[in-house]
C-alpha atoms as a PDB file:
ATOM      1  CA  UNK A   1     175.734  45.635  68.194  1.00  0.00           C
ATOM      2  CA  UNK A   2     172.821  47.771  69.715  1.00  0.00           C
ATOM      3  CA  UNK A   3     169.604  46.455  71.572  1.00  0.00           C
ATOM      4  CA  UNK A   4     166.231  47.801  70.845  1.00  0.00           C
ATOM      5  CA  UNK A   5     164.739  46.196  73.860  1.00  0.00           C
ATOM      6  CA  UNK A   6     165.005  49.143  76.428  1.00  0.00           C
ATOM      7  CA  UNK A   7     163.607  51.646  73.753  1.00  0.00           C
ATOM      8  CA  UNK A   8     160.435  49.438  73.122  1.00  0.00           C
ATOM      9  CA  UNK A   9     159.860  49.241  76.814  1.00  0.00           C
ATOM     10  CA  UNK A  10     160.052  52.918  77.211  1.00  0.00           C
ATOM     11  CA  UNK A  11     157.803  53.628  74.271  1.00  0.00           C
ATOM     12  CA  UNK A  12     155.328  51.352  75.953  1.00  0.00           C
ATOM     13  CA  UNK A  13     155.558  53.170  79.176  1.00  0.00           C
ATOM     14  CA  UNK A  14     154.945  56.336  77.568  1.00  0.00           C
ATOM     15  CA  UNK A  15     151.890  55.175  75.818  1.00  0.00           C
ATOM     16  CA  UNK A  16     150.571  54.078  79.369  1.00  0.00           C
ATOM     17  CA  UNK A  17     151.361  57.298  80.881  1.00  0.00           C
ATOM     18  CA  UNK A  18     149.561  59.308  78.089  1.00  0.00           C
ATOM     19  CA  UNK A  19     146.607  56.947  77.764  1.00  0.00           C
ATOM     20  CA  UNK A  20     146.187  57.412  81.851  1.00  0.00           C
ATOM     21  CA  UNK A  21     146.619  61.085  81.473  1.00  0.00           C
ATOM     22  CA  UNK A  22     143.965  61.302  78.868  1.00  0.00           C
ATOM     23  CA  UNK A  23     141.533  59.113  80.949  1.00  0.00           C
ATOM     24  CA  UNK A  24     141.920  61.196  84.091  1.00  0.00           C
ATOM     25  CA  UNK A  25     141.315  64.426  81.965  1.00  0.00           C
ATOM     26  CA  UNK A  26     138.012  63.065  80.602  1.00  0.00           C
ATOM     27  CA  UNK A  27     136.968  61.783  83.808  1.00  0.00           C
ATOM     28  CA  UNK A  28     137.615  65.335  85.608  1.00  0.00           C
ATOM     29  CA  UNK A  29     135.759  67.127  82.489  1.00  0.00           C
ATOM     30  CA  UNK A  30     132.738  64.830  83.111  1.00  0.00           C
ATOM     31  CA  UNK A  31     132.470  65.840  86.723  1.00  0.00           C
ATOM     32  CA  UNK A  32     132.784  69.424  86.273  1.00  0.00           C
ATOM     33  CA  UNK A  33     130.160  69.356  83.270  1.00  0.00           C
ATOM     34  CA  UNK A  34     127.273  67.873  85.369  1.00  0.00           C
ATOM     35  CA  UNK A  35     124.143  70.213  85.519  1.00  0.00           C
ATOM     36  CA  UNK A  36     120.629  69.935  86.744  1.00  0.00           C
ATOM     37  CA  UNK A  37     119.864  66.960  84.436  1.00  0.00           C
ATOM     38  CA  UNK A  38     121.130  64.435  87.517  1.00  0.00           C
ATOM     39  CA  UNK A  39     118.879  66.354  90.054  1.00  0.00           C
ATOM     40  CA  UNK A  40     115.117  65.042  90.735  1.00  0.00           C
ATOM     41  CA  UNK A  41     112.990  67.324  89.242  1.00  0.00           C
ATOM     42  CA  UNK A  42     109.373  68.234  90.310  1.00  0.00           C
ATOM     43  CA  UNK A  43     108.005  67.041  87.020  1.00  0.00           C
ATOM     44  CA  UNK A  44     109.537  63.686  87.501  1.00  0.00           C
ATOM     45  CA  UNK A  45     108.548  63.107  91.327  1.00  0.00           C
ATOM     46  CA  UNK A  46     106.197  65.461  93.548  1.00  0.00           C
ATOM     47  CA  UNK A  47     108.183  67.668  95.764  1.00  0.00           C
ATOM     48  CA  UNK A  48     107.311  68.214  99.388  1.00  0.00           C
ATOM     49  CA  UNK A  49     108.175  71.286 101.754  1.00  0.00           C
ATOM     50  CA  UNK A  50     111.175  72.686  99.934  1.00  0.00           C
ATOM     51  CA  UNK A  51     113.116  72.819  96.334  1.00  0.00           C
ATOM     52  CA  UNK A  52     115.815  74.411  94.564  1.00  0.00           C
ATOM     53  CA  UNK A  53     114.776  76.715  91.605  1.00  0.00           C
ATOM     54  CA  UNK A  54     116.912  75.488  88.630  1.00  0.00           C
ATOM     55  CA  UNK A  55     117.152  76.055  84.856  1.00  0.00           C
ATOM     56  CA  UNK A  56     117.289  72.403  83.932  1.00  0.00           C
ATOM     57  CA  UNK A  57     117.531  71.471  80.173  1.00  0.00           C
ATOM     58  CA  UNK A  58     113.744  70.694  80.560  1.00  0.00           C
ATOM     59  CA  UNK A  59     112.994  74.006  81.926  1.00  0.00           C
ATOM     60  CA  UNK A  60     115.059  75.750  79.345  1.00  0.00           C
ATOM     61  CA  UNK A  61     113.513  73.722  76.263  1.00  0.00           C
ATOM     62  CA  UNK A  62     110.160  74.753  77.474  1.00  0.00           C
ATOM     63  CA  UNK A  63     111.149  78.469  77.464  1.00  0.00           C
ATOM     64  CA  UNK A  64     110.719  78.667  81.223  1.00  0.00           C
ATOM     65  CA  UNK A  65     114.064  80.313  81.717  1.00  0.00           C
ATOM     66  CA  UNK A  66     115.166  83.860  81.218  1.00  0.00           C
ATOM     67  CA  UNK A  67     118.156  86.593  82.151  1.00  0.00           C
ATOM     68  CA  UNK A  68     117.990  89.709  83.987  1.00  0.00           C
ATOM     69  CA  UNK A  69     121.077  92.321  84.115  1.00  0.00           C
ATOM     70  CA  UNK A  70     121.056  92.213  87.839  1.00  0.00           C
ATOM     71  CA  UNK A  71     120.325  88.358  88.745  1.00  0.00           C
ATOM     72  CA  UNK A  72     121.413  86.544  85.668  1.00  0.00           C
ATOM     73  CA  UNK A  73     119.544  83.101  85.000  1.00  0.00           C
ATOM     74  CA  UNK A  74     116.116  82.998  86.407  1.00  0.00           C
ATOM     75  CA  UNK A  75     113.167  80.944  86.452  1.00  0.00           C
ATOM     76  CA  UNK A  76     109.953  82.101  85.023  1.00  0.00           C
ATOM     77  CA  UNK A  77     106.557  81.895  86.738  1.00  0.00           C
ATOM     78  CA  UNK A  78     103.425  83.437  87.533  1.00  0.00           C
ATOM     79  CA  UNK A  79     101.953  85.547  90.436  1.00  0.00           C
ATOM     80  CA  UNK A  80      98.787  84.446  90.673  1.00  0.00           C
ATOM     81  CA  UNK A  81      98.509  81.117  88.581  1.00  0.00           C
ATOM     82  CA  UNK A  82     100.517  78.606  86.621  1.00  0.00           C
ATOM     83  CA  UNK A  83     101.823  80.121  83.143  1.00  0.00           C
ATOM     84  CA  UNK A  84     103.745  78.770  80.388  1.00  0.00           C
ATOM     85  CA  UNK A  85     104.296  81.960  78.470  1.00  0.00           C
ATOM     86  CA  UNK A  86     103.508  85.736  79.236  1.00  0.00           C
ATOM     87  CA  UNK A  87     105.137  85.297  82.358  1.00  0.00           C
ATOM     88  CA  UNK A  88     104.826  87.882  85.147  1.00  0.00           C
ATOM     89  CA  UNK A  89     107.397  87.133  87.524  1.00  0.00           C
ATOM     90  CA  UNK A  90     110.754  85.242  88.153  1.00  0.00           C
ATOM     91  CA  UNK A  91     113.226  83.535  90.618  1.00  0.00           C
ATOM     92  CA  UNK A  92     116.763  83.674  90.586  1.00  0.00           C
ATOM     93  CA  UNK A  93     118.371  80.004  89.969  1.00  0.00           C
ATOM     94  CA  UNK A  94     119.796  78.402  93.059  1.00  0.00           C
ATOM     95  CA  UNK A  95     116.957  79.814  95.444  1.00  0.00           C
ATOM     96  CA  UNK A  96     116.015  77.767  97.956  1.00  0.00           C
ATOM     97  CA  UNK A  97     111.836  78.048  98.063  1.00  0.00           C
ATOM     98  CA  UNK A  98     109.443  76.410 100.238  1.00  0.00           C
ATOM     99  CA  UNK A  99     106.447  74.713  98.568  1.00  0.00           C
ATOM    100  CA  UNK A 100     102.977  76.043  99.736  1.00  0.00           C
ATOM    101  CA  UNK A 101     101.228  74.009  97.381  1.00  0.00           C
ATOM    102  CA  UNK A 102     100.948  71.945  93.967  1.00  0.00           C
ATOM    103  CA  UNK A 103      98.698  71.389  91.300  1.00  0.00           C
ATOM    104  CA  UNK A 104      99.054  69.242  88.321  1.00  0.00           C
ATOM    105  CA  UNK A 105      97.850  70.643  84.901  1.00  0.00           C
ATOM    106  CA  UNK A 106      97.280  68.686  81.617  1.00  0.00           C
ATOM    107  CA  UNK A 107      99.293  70.965  78.875  1.00  0.00           C
ATOM    108  CA  UNK A 108      98.933  70.335  75.225  1.00  0.00           C
ATOM    109  CA  UNK A 109     102.284  70.696  73.359  1.00  0.00           C
ATOM    110  CA  UNK A 110     101.816  73.198  70.212  1.00  0.00           C
ATOM    111  CA  UNK A 111     104.055  71.417  67.883  1.00  0.00           C
ATOM    112  CA  UNK A 112     102.361  68.089  67.933  1.00  0.00           C
ATOM    113  CA  UNK A 113      98.956  68.659  70.091  1.00  0.00           C
ATOM    114  CA  UNK A 114     100.326  65.924  72.347  1.00  0.00           C
ATOM    115  CA  UNK A 115      98.947  66.144  75.959  1.00  0.00           C
ATOM    116  CA  UNK A 116     100.818  65.655  79.296  1.00  0.00           C
ATOM    117  CA  UNK A 117     100.543  66.336  83.058  1.00  0.00           C
ATOM    118  CA  UNK A 118     102.953  68.614  84.658  1.00  0.00           C
ATOM    119  CA  UNK A 119     103.090  69.807  88.449  1.00  0.00           C
ATOM    120  CA  UNK A 120     103.141  73.545  89.050  1.00  0.00           C
ATOM    121  CA  UNK A 121     104.221  74.567  92.343  1.00  0.00           C
ATOM    122  CA  UNK A 122     103.307  77.619  94.442  1.00  0.00           C
ATOM    123  CA  UNK A 123     106.438  78.371  96.004  1.00  0.00           C
ATOM    124  CA  UNK A 124     107.971  81.246  98.462  1.00  0.00           C
ATOM    125  CA  UNK A 125     111.403  82.541  98.370  1.00  0.00           C
ATOM    126  CA  UNK A 126     113.143  83.585 101.395  1.00  0.00           C
ATOM    127  CA  UNK A 127     112.628  87.427 100.276  1.00  0.00           C
ATOM    128  CA  UNK A 128     108.899  86.530 100.832  1.00  0.00           C
ATOM    129  CA  UNK A 129     108.152  86.642  97.022  1.00  0.00           C
ATOM    130  CA  UNK A 130     105.757  83.797  96.041  1.00  0.00           C
ATOM    131  CA  UNK A 131     104.443  82.571  92.718  1.00  0.00           C
ATOM    132  CA  UNK A 132     103.978  79.538  90.600  1.00  0.00           C
ATOM    133  CA  UNK A 133     106.725  77.748  88.996  1.00  0.00           C
ATOM    134  CA  UNK A 134     106.546  74.570  86.616  1.00  0.00           C
ATOM    135  CA  UNK A 135     107.943  71.428  88.094  1.00  0.00           C
ATOM    136  CA  UNK A 136     110.506  71.008  85.440  1.00  0.00           C
ATOM    137  CA  UNK A 137     112.332  74.168  86.852  1.00  0.00           C
ATOM    138  CA  UNK A 138     112.240  72.968  90.448  1.00  0.00           C
ATOM    139  CA  UNK A 139     115.116  70.498  91.817  1.00  0.00           C
ATOM    140  CA  UNK A 140     114.647  68.095  95.199  1.00  0.00           C
ATOM    141  CA  UNK A 141     117.316  69.977  97.880  1.00  0.00           C
ATOM    142  CA  UNK A 142     119.982  67.538  97.969  1.00  0.00           C
END
């Protein structure tokens, strides 16, 4: 007579190994797909001294990100004043900038008229370029 016991134990072991491998892969994928959404952004907390330019989800959703052929993804801003459209300057993402000043502004959302406050930062890049950037496009250095 044949016994099925070793085959059942082997199948259970195989299932455990496959499930363990799947969990390992899913965990690794979640670590690889992290983005700036986990960072402390300048609209959540007032940043001081330095920040990192970032095209966070909030920055993208509000049209404050762009792309250039030479520098890839950039954060849009204003040379002389805070701007939410018709931008006239940009900073490459992942640039460490010095904070020269911060000013809160009340903005009105076009879609529903809702008002909200947002910090705009006057920043200076290492190359000396300066301008105004919305807080949702700046992250605290880590």
